[in-house]
């Protein structure tokens, strides 16, 4: 079953236009490059190869309300056996496959697709010859684990601290298409201006970037 057809079967029979032909827009060389650049390679034949794990994570993002095992099954990600017969895979096998791949290849794939899609979109929607971008920040709650508490911190509150560690995030977006060009994450104890500095350095030439007054800082702009 093709990926697009599988995505249809996950929903109510209709596929949002933004997801149509998803696989045809993601060059397999991008996927292979993302894996190679982060040192991830298939050592032996597995039921759920690393390339399929990347598609699994994309499917999980699109259908967050569905069990992961169902996403694997509906997207037909598990390779058949040597006789071409469909195989199953245990939940532990899915978790192990995700852990083997890690977050690095997904981050790499995001940057590749962002450069391809977002920049082309900005060039299609110029304003007086300029690409129109915007940057802003937000906070995201993450699972309450010891590692997350140490990495991202608990925000202070009137009752000592909040219940969950939070991440400070800043995004750089093509405003006319709402496609993200870049993203940066830091602990909650870092200000938006600090988090924004590396992604603002990626702003392309011949562009207009809109920010709120919080970002008005001489050192940041200089």
Foldseek 3Di string as FASTA:
>chain_A
DAQQVLLCVVDPNDDPPVCHPVVVLQDVVLLVCLCVVVVHDDPDDDQAGLSLLLVLVVQCVVCVVDDSQVSCVSSVRGAAPPVRHRDHDDPVRSVVSDVSRDCRSVQSSLLVVLVVPQVVVQCVDDDVQAREKEKDKDKDFDDADPVLCVWANFDQDPVGGDPTWMKIKMFMARVVVRRTNDMFIGHPVDDPLVRCQVVVVVDDPRHDYDYDPVNPDPVSVD
